[in-house]
Amino acid sequence: MSISNIPESFPLPGTWITISSTGGVASTTYQVVLVATSSTGNTNTPVLAGSLADVASAFGSTSDIYKGYARYRSVDTVTPVYLVNAASDSATDITAALTSLGDIPANLFITPFATSDAVKAFDTFLASRWAYNNGLDGIHVTAIADSMANLVALGSTVNSPYSSVEGFAPGGTDSDIELAAAVGAAVAVKASADPANPIQGIALAVAAAPLGNAFSQSAREAIFNAGIGITKQDTAGNVYLERPRMTYQTNAEGTADDSYQDIEALNILAYVRTKLQARLNSRFFGENSKKLVDNDTMIYPGSNAVNPNIILSEIIADYSENVDNLLCQDLATFLKTASARIVRTGVVEVYYPAKIAGVLRQITVGIQFSK
């Protein structure tokens, strides 16, 4: 049985990596794509954003594209941002805007599109980018200000490992694109510094809703458990990204599954995959392409050949680096279970059982007193 699920008919040389979860209740440039709408400027044409003045000139200073970019840049002035003008917020037009990106890599997509149809459009698009023969990865962050009841209802209609919808209390002065851009900037700053960085409890560059509209603790619990990320605000008017999450709640069989719940998981996996692919390609393909022999064949020093054991040693070295960098853990189990074997002529299949770093979510304390 194939571990990688990459079809035998796939002919291109190189390292190709699939990612899957077992279920459960670097050196790459971080890049952002902001997709929104504007009545001016070309549609479905990715543009690397420059100054705010340039963006205002191209799309208009009242457009969602400008508002989102301005809010993003108020937090993160460094990360490259591509702008894409979608013709509308329909799933068809969102898909057309995303398709226009081609092979432009992006770690994070920011949009004001928080409907079920929009999330489904992103799910289809990002599933293809995470596929073994693409490897462009990326996650989608959006936001919506609405009542608890409406956010809970929205959560029942979205279920994607790639999209995170953040819920805000209604009545604030910021538009949904400004809310989403503020969240996206907070995510980008954390994840670009370290893909395993916890993303929670971060102050956001947004205006507070009227205090009477702020979500109570019980409301935030209900919103989160429904599949929507939660924000909270204090009495001083500060708004925090309390805990984002992916909308993923059940697997393909409809069984409850929290494998992709944490937004940090795909950040780590994207980094791990990109790093591993680059390592193996640089050592065994291109100018360094090798002959392949089995483990019983002697490979003499200087021979331009490789066997599964040599590849496995690179796999172990790579995972050890991830453990040292606190991206992964449990090296002992990895050493026992990782494998590399020839499955057919010219093809070595690797089993890479990564246990990614977790996030400290709570410290629970029981105080027992006497007098």
Protein backbone atom coordinates (compact mmCIF):
# COMPACT_ATOMS: atom_id res chain seq x y z
CA MET A 1 0.00 0.00 0.00
CA SER A 2 1.34 3.42 -0.94
CA ILE A 3 2.12 5.80 1.91
CA SER A 4 2.38 8.91 -0.25
CA ASN A 5 -0.73 8.30 -2.41
CA ILE A 6 1.12 9.79 -5.37
CA PRO A 7 -0.02 7.98 -8.52
CA GLU A 8 2.39 5.72 -10.38
CA SER A 9 1.57 7.61 -13.55
CA PHE A 10 3.15 10.84 -12.20
CA PRO A 11 6.46 11.01 -14.17
CA LEU A 12 8.32 14.16 -13.06
CA PRO A 13 11.66 13.66 -11.24
CA GLY A 14 12.21 15.28 -7.87
CA THR A 15 10.81 15.19 -4.36
CA TRP A 16 7.01 15.27 -4.06
CA ILE A 17 5.36 15.43 -0.67
CA THR A 18 1.80 14.87 0.50
CA ILE A 19 0.53 15.85 3.93
CA SER A 20 -2.18 14.10 5.89
CA SER A 21 -3.19 13.91 9.52
CA THR A 22 -3.70 10.86 11.69
CA GLY A 23 -6.95 12.37 12.99
CA GLY A 24 -7.59 13.63 16.45
CA VAL A 25 -10.32 15.19 18.69
CA ALA A 26 13.27 27.93 7.57
CA SER A 27 14.33 29.75 5.20
CA THR A 28 11.42 30.72 3.03
CA THR A 29 10.16 34.19 2.22
CA TYR A 30 6.79 34.89 3.78
CA GLN A 31 4.35 36.40 1.31
CA VAL A 32 0.77 37.68 1.55
CA VAL A 33 -2.03 38.00 -1.02
CA LEU A 34 -4.93 40.37 -0.35
CA VAL A 35 -8.01 39.67 -2.48
CA ALA A 36 -10.84 42.20 -2.38
CA THR A 37 -12.93 44.33 -4.72
CA SER A 38 -12.61 47.72 -6.36
CA SER A 39 -14.65 49.44 -9.04
CA THR A 40 -11.42 50.77 -10.56
CA GLY A 41 -8.28 48.96 -11.62
CA ASN A 42 -7.84 45.74 -13.57
CA THR A 43 -9.62 42.65 -12.29
CA ASN A 44 -7.92 39.26 -11.90
CA THR A 45 -4.47 40.80 -12.31
CA PRO A 46 -2.04 40.26 -9.40
CA VAL A 47 -0.07 43.39 -8.52
CA LEU A 48 2.83 43.57 -6.09
CA ALA A 49 1.74 46.42 -3.83
CA GLY A 50 3.94 49.46 -3.45
CA SER A 51 3.17 52.66 -1.58
CA LEU A 52 -0.25 53.54 -0.23
CA ALA A 53 -0.36 56.39 -2.73
CA ASP A 54 0.22 53.98 -5.60
CA VAL A 55 -2.51 51.64 -4.37
CA ALA A 56 -4.93 54.56 -3.97
CA SER A 57 -4.14 55.69 -7.49
CA ALA A 58 -4.70 52.23 -8.96
CA PHE A 59 -7.78 51.17 -7.02
CA GLY A 60 -9.22 54.25 -5.35
CA SER A 61 -8.86 55.35 -1.75
CA THR A 62 -12.38 54.19 -0.85
CA SER A 63 -12.03 50.67 -2.27
CA ASP A 64 -11.84 47.56 -0.12
CA ILE A 65 -8.43 46.83 -1.62
CA TYR A 66 -7.04 50.16 -0.42
CA LYS A 67 -8.71 49.95 3.00
CA GLY A 68 -7.41 46.44 3.58
CA TYR A 69 -3.89 47.25 2.41
CA ALA A 70 -3.72 50.42 4.49
CA ARG A 71 -4.80 48.56 7.63
CA TYR A 72 -2.34 45.73 6.91
CA ARG A 73 0.56 48.13 6.42
CA SER A 74 -0.26 49.92 9.69
CA VAL A 75 0.87 46.73 11.42
CA ASP A 76 3.32 45.03 9.06
CA THR A 77 5.51 47.26 6.89
CA VAL A 78 7.87 44.54 5.70
CA THR A 79 6.10 41.50 4.23
CA PRO A 80 5.55 41.54 0.44
CA VAL A 81 1.85 41.84 -0.41
CA TYR A 82 0.17 41.03 -3.72
CA LEU A 83 -3.17 42.65 -4.46
CA VAL A 84 -5.87 41.04 -6.60
CA ASN A 85 -9.06 42.83 -7.59
CA ALA A 86 -11.96 40.36 -7.74
CA ALA A 87 -14.89 41.26 -9.96
CA SER A 88 -17.33 40.54 -7.11
CA ASP A 89 -17.72 38.51 -3.94
CA SER A 90 -19.36 35.59 -5.77
CA ALA A 91 -17.65 32.21 -5.58
CA THR A 92 -17.14 32.24 -9.36
CA ASP A 93 -15.40 35.61 -9.33
CA ILE A 94 -13.35 34.73 -6.26
CA THR A 95 -12.14 31.58 -8.02
CA ALA A 96 -11.23 33.60 -11.12
CA ALA A 97 -9.24 36.06 -9.00
CA LEU A 98 -7.38 33.26 -7.26
CA THR A 99 -6.67 31.41 -10.49
CA SER A 100 -5.03 34.55 -11.86
CA LEU A 101 -2.22 34.10 -9.32
CA GLY A 102 -0.83 31.16 -11.25
CA ASP A 103 2.29 29.91 -9.47
CA ILE A 104 2.86 33.02 -7.35
CA PRO A 105 3.65 31.62 -3.88
CA ALA A 106 1.74 32.87 -0.87
CA ASN A 107 1.70 31.87 2.78
CA LEU A 108 -1.41 33.86 3.65
CA PHE A 109 -4.52 35.02 1.80
CA ILE A 110 -6.55 37.85 3.31
CA THR A 111 -10.09 38.64 2.14
CA PRO A 112 -13.38 40.14 3.36
CA PHE A 113 -15.20 37.11 1.94
CA ALA A 114 -16.66 35.14 4.85
CA THR A 115 -19.62 33.35 3.29
CA SER A 116 -19.96 29.60 3.04
CA ASP A 117 -19.60 29.77 -0.75
CA ALA A 118 -16.43 31.86 -0.46
CA VAL A 119 -14.87 29.43 2.01
CA LYS A 120 -15.71 26.54 -0.32
CA ALA A 121 -14.06 28.38 -3.22
CA PHE A 122 -10.91 28.83 -1.15
CA ASP A 123 -11.06 25.22 -0.01
CA THR A 124 -10.98 24.00 -3.60
CA PHE A 125 -8.24 26.44 -4.59
CA LEU A 126 -5.99 25.79 -1.60
CA ALA A 127 -6.46 22.02 -1.72
CA SER A 128 -4.86 22.15 -5.16
CA ARG A 129 -2.00 24.31 -3.88
CA TRP A 130 -1.32 21.88 -1.04
CA ALA A 131 -1.32 18.91 -3.45
CA TYR A 132 1.91 16.94 -3.96
CA ASN A 133 2.38 18.21 -7.53
CA ASN A 134 1.92 21.88 -6.59
CA GLY A 135 3.39 22.55 -3.15
CA LEU A 136 2.49 26.26 -2.98
CA ASP A 137 0.57 25.82 0.30
CA GLY A 138 -1.03 28.81 2.08
CA ILE A 139 -3.96 29.54 4.41
CA HIS A 140 -6.91 31.92 4.13
CA VAL A 141 -7.94 34.42 6.80
CA THR A 142 -11.14 36.45 6.73
CA ALA A 143 -13.34 38.21 9.28
CA ILE A 144 -16.92 39.22 9.90
CA ALA A 145 -18.65 41.37 12.52
CA ASP A 146 -22.00 39.88 13.47
CA SER A 147 -24.12 38.61 16.32
CA MET A 148 -23.26 35.47 18.23
CA ALA A 149 -26.28 33.66 16.76
CA ASN A 150 -25.28 34.50 13.19
CA LEU A 151 -21.64 33.54 13.74
CA VAL A 152 -22.65 30.19 15.22
CA ALA A 153 -24.96 29.63 12.25
CA LEU A 154 -22.13 30.50 9.84
CA GLY A 155 -19.89 27.98 11.59
CA SER A 156 -22.30 25.19 10.74
CA THR A 157 -21.88 25.93 7.02
CA VAL A 158 -18.07 26.08 6.79
CA ASN A 159 -15.62 23.22 7.22
CA SER A 160 -12.18 23.75 5.73
CA PRO A 161 -8.65 23.05 6.96
CA TYR A 162 -7.45 26.06 4.95
CA SER A 163 -9.80 28.90 5.95
CA SER A 164 -10.00 30.76 9.23
CA VAL A 165 -13.01 33.04 9.84
CA GLU A 166 -12.62 35.43 12.79
CA GLY A 167 -15.77 36.68 14.48
CA PHE A 168 -16.03 40.25 15.81
CA ALA A 169 -18.74 41.87 17.90
CA PRO A 170 -21.08 43.98 15.74
CA GLY A 171 -21.38 47.76 15.73
CA GLY A 172 -17.76 48.82 15.27
CA THR A 173 -16.67 51.37 12.69
CA ASP A 174 -14.29 49.08 10.77
CA SER A 175 -15.34 47.24 7.63
CA ASP A 176 -14.88 43.50 7.31
CA ILE A 177 -11.81 43.93 5.07
CA GLU A 178 -10.18 46.17 7.69
CA LEU A 179 -10.91 43.60 10.40
CA ALA A 180 -9.55 40.78 8.23
CA ALA A 181 -6.43 42.77 7.31
CA ALA A 182 -5.70 43.49 10.98
CA VAL A 183 -6.02 39.80 11.80
CA GLY A 184 -3.94 38.82 8.78
CA ALA A 185 -1.17 41.22 9.74
CA ALA A 186 -1.07 39.80 13.26
CA VAL A 187 -0.84 36.26 11.86
CA ALA A 188 1.85 37.20 9.35
CA VAL A 189 4.06 38.94 11.91
CA LYS A 190 3.97 35.90 14.19
CA ALA A 191 4.21 33.15 11.58
CA SER A 192 6.92 34.78 9.47
CA ALA A 193 9.16 35.05 12.54
CA ASP A 194 8.57 31.40 13.54
CA PRO A 195 5.94 29.12 11.96
CA ALA A 196 5.33 27.51 15.35
CA ASN A 197 4.67 30.80 17.13
CA PRO A 198 1.41 30.69 19.11
CA ILE A 199 -1.18 33.02 17.61
CA GLN A 200 -3.48 34.05 20.45
CA GLY A 201 -4.13 36.98 22.75
CA ILE A 202 -2.73 39.49 20.24
CA ALA A 203 -3.83 43.14 20.34
CA LEU A 204 -5.46 44.10 17.04
CA ALA A 205 -5.38 47.40 15.18
CA VAL A 206 -9.18 47.69 15.05
CA ALA A 207 -11.85 49.88 16.59
CA ALA A 208 -13.89 48.41 19.40
CA ALA A 209 -17.61 47.74 19.09
CA PRO A 210 -19.99 49.41 21.53
CA LEU A 211 -19.31 47.89 24.94
CA GLY A 212 -22.81 46.51 25.20
CA ASN A 213 -22.22 44.46 22.05
CA ALA A 214 -19.01 42.81 23.28
CA PHE A 215 -19.17 39.04 23.41
CA SER A 216 -19.37 37.42 26.83
CA GLN A 217 -17.16 34.48 27.73
CA SER A 218 -19.98 32.02 27.13
CA ALA A 219 -20.70 33.60 23.74
CA ARG A 220 -17.05 33.32 22.72
CA GLU A 221 -17.01 29.66 23.73
CA ALA A 222 -20.08 29.00 21.60
CA ILE A 223 -18.62 30.85 18.61
CA PHE A 224 -15.30 29.00 18.84
CA ASN A 225 -16.93 25.59 19.23
CA ALA A 226 -19.03 26.35 16.15
CA GLY A 227 -15.88 26.68 14.02
CA ILE A 228 -15.27 30.44 14.08
CA GLY A 229 -12.21 32.17 15.55
CA ILE A 230 -12.84 34.45 18.50
CA THR A 231 -11.95 38.00 19.43
CA LYS A 232 -12.62 39.84 22.65
CA GLN A 233 -12.46 43.42 23.86
CA ASP A 234 -11.86 44.92 27.26
CA THR A 235 -13.58 47.83 28.96
CA ALA A 236 -10.81 50.18 27.80
CA GLY A 237 -11.72 49.54 24.16
CA ASN A 238 -8.81 47.26 23.28
CA VAL A 239 -9.62 44.38 20.92
CA TYR A 240 -7.68 41.12 20.96
CA LEU A 241 -7.40 38.12 18.69
CA GLU A 242 -8.22 35.74 21.53
CA ARG A 243 -7.93 32.48 19.62
CA PRO A 244 -8.21 32.02 15.87
CA ARG A 245 -8.99 28.62 14.41
CA MET A 246 -9.50 26.96 11.09
CA THR A 247 -13.14 26.24 10.22
CA TYR A 248 -12.32 22.51 9.96
CA GLN A 249 -14.50 20.49 12.34
CA THR A 250 -15.23 17.11 10.74
CA ASN A 251 -13.37 14.83 8.34
CA ALA A 252 -14.63 13.46 5.02
CA GLU A 253 -16.62 10.79 6.85
CA GLY A 254 -18.36 13.39 9.00
CA THR A 255 -16.51 12.37 12.16
CA ALA A 256 -15.44 15.09 14.60
CA ASP A 257 -11.75 15.83 13.98
CA ASP A 258 -9.55 18.56 15.44
CA SER A 259 -6.42 17.74 13.41
CA TYR A 260 -6.48 21.05 11.52
CA GLN A 261 -8.23 23.14 14.15
CA ASP A 262 -5.16 25.10 15.22
CA ILE A 263 -4.04 27.80 12.80
CA GLU A 264 -0.42 27.09 13.74
CA ALA A 265 -0.52 23.52 12.37
CA LEU A 266 -0.50 24.39 8.67
CA ASN A 267 2.07 27.14 9.25
CA ILE A 268 4.43 24.51 10.65
CA LEU A 269 3.62 21.89 8.01
CA ALA A 270 4.16 24.31 5.14
CA TYR A 271 7.60 25.19 6.50
CA VAL A 272 8.52 21.55 7.19
CA ARG A 273 7.47 20.41 3.72
CA THR A 274 9.23 23.26 1.89
CA LYS A 275 12.44 22.71 3.84
CA LEU A 276 12.43 18.92 3.33
CA GLN A 277 11.69 19.20 -0.37
CA ALA A 278 14.53 21.67 -0.89
CA ARG A 279 16.93 19.48 1.08
CA LEU A 280 16.19 16.27 -0.82
CA ASN A 281 16.11 17.95 -4.23
CA SER A 282 19.48 19.61 -3.64
CA ARG A 283 21.12 16.34 -2.57
CA PHE A 284 19.60 13.83 -4.98
CA PHE A 285 18.29 15.61 -8.08
CA GLY A 286 19.35 18.16 -10.67
CA GLU A 287 23.15 18.37 -10.93
CA ASN A 288 23.35 15.86 -8.07
CA SER A 289 21.05 13.22 -9.61
CA LYS A 290 21.94 9.71 -8.44
CA LYS A 291 21.80 6.10 -9.49
CA LEU A 292 19.47 4.08 -7.26
CA VAL A 293 20.43 0.71 -5.82
CA ASP A 294 19.06 -1.40 -2.96
CA ASN A 295 20.49 -1.44 0.54
CA ASP A 296 22.36 -4.70 -0.09
CA THR A 297 24.44 -3.22 -2.91
CA MET A 298 27.81 -1.83 -1.87
CA ILE A 299 28.23 1.87 -2.64
CA TYR A 300 31.92 2.75 -2.71
CA PRO A 301 33.19 6.21 -1.71
CA GLY A 302 32.88 8.62 -4.62
CA SER A 303 30.19 6.56 -6.33
CA ASN A 304 27.34 8.57 -7.80
CA ALA A 305 24.68 6.34 -6.28
CA VAL A 306 22.21 6.27 -3.44
CA ASN A 307 20.15 3.66 -1.60
CA PRO A 308 17.12 3.96 0.69
CA ASN A 309 19.28 3.96 3.82
CA ILE A 310 21.21 7.01 2.63
CA ILE A 311 17.95 8.82 1.92
CA LEU A 312 16.65 7.79 5.33
CA SER A 313 19.72 9.32 6.96
CA GLU A 314 18.86 12.64 5.30
CA ILE A 315 15.27 12.33 6.49
CA ILE A 316 16.45 11.77 10.05
CA ALA A 317 18.87 14.68 9.87
CA ASP A 318 16.09 16.93 8.61
CA TYR A 319 13.70 15.92 11.38
CA SER A 320 16.43 16.34 13.98
CA GLU A 321 16.86 19.94 12.82
CA ASN A 322 13.12 20.50 13.16
CA VAL A 323 13.24 19.16 16.70
CA ASP A 324 16.24 21.37 17.52
CA ASN A 325 14.31 24.35 16.18
CA LEU A 326 11.26 23.39 18.29
CA LEU A 327 9.03 22.90 15.27
CA CYS A 328 8.65 19.16 15.86
CA GLN A 329 9.10 16.80 18.81
CA ASP A 330 9.57 13.17 19.87
CA LEU A 331 12.70 12.30 17.91
CA ALA A 332 12.86 8.88 19.59
CA THR A 333 9.58 7.75 18.04
CA PHE A 334 10.56 9.21 14.68
CA LEU A 335 13.79 7.19 14.69
CA LYS A 336 11.81 4.00 15.32
CA THR A 337 9.12 4.54 12.71
CA ALA A 338 10.54 6.62 9.83
CA SER A 339 11.32 4.54 6.76
CA ALA A 340 12.52 4.69 3.16
CA ARG A 341 12.02 1.86 0.67
CA ILE A 342 12.12 1.23 -3.05
CA VAL A 343 8.53 0.70 -4.20
CA ARG A 344 9.16 0.48 -7.95
CA THR A 345 11.86 1.25 -10.45
CA GLY A 346 13.33 4.65 -9.70
CA VAL A 347 10.93 5.47 -6.86
CA VAL A 348 11.76 5.59 -3.14
CA GLU A 349 8.82 6.07 -0.80
CA VAL A 350 9.50 7.76 2.54
CA TYR A 351 7.40 7.62 5.70
CA TYR A 352 7.92 10.82 7.70
CA PRO A 353 5.82 10.61 10.91
CA ALA A 354 6.09 14.20 12.11
CA LYS A 355 4.77 15.19 15.50
CA ILE A 356 4.56 18.95 15.32
CA ALA A 357 5.05 21.31 18.24
CA GLY A 358 1.97 22.14 20.25
CA VAL A 359 0.73 25.44 21.65
CA LEU A 360 0.31 26.27 25.32
CA ARG A 361 -3.39 27.11 25.50
CA GLN A 362 -4.12 26.88 29.22
CA ILE A 363 -2.56 26.45 32.63
CA THR A 364 -5.10 24.88 34.96
CA VAL A 365 -4.50 25.29 38.67
CA GLY A 366 -6.36 23.81 41.60
CA ILE A 367 -5.92 25.82 44.80
CA GLN A 368 -6.75 23.92 47.95
CA PHE A 369 -6.73 25.91 51.12
CA SER A 370 -7.18 25.33 54.79
CA LYS A 371 -7.36 27.61 57.82
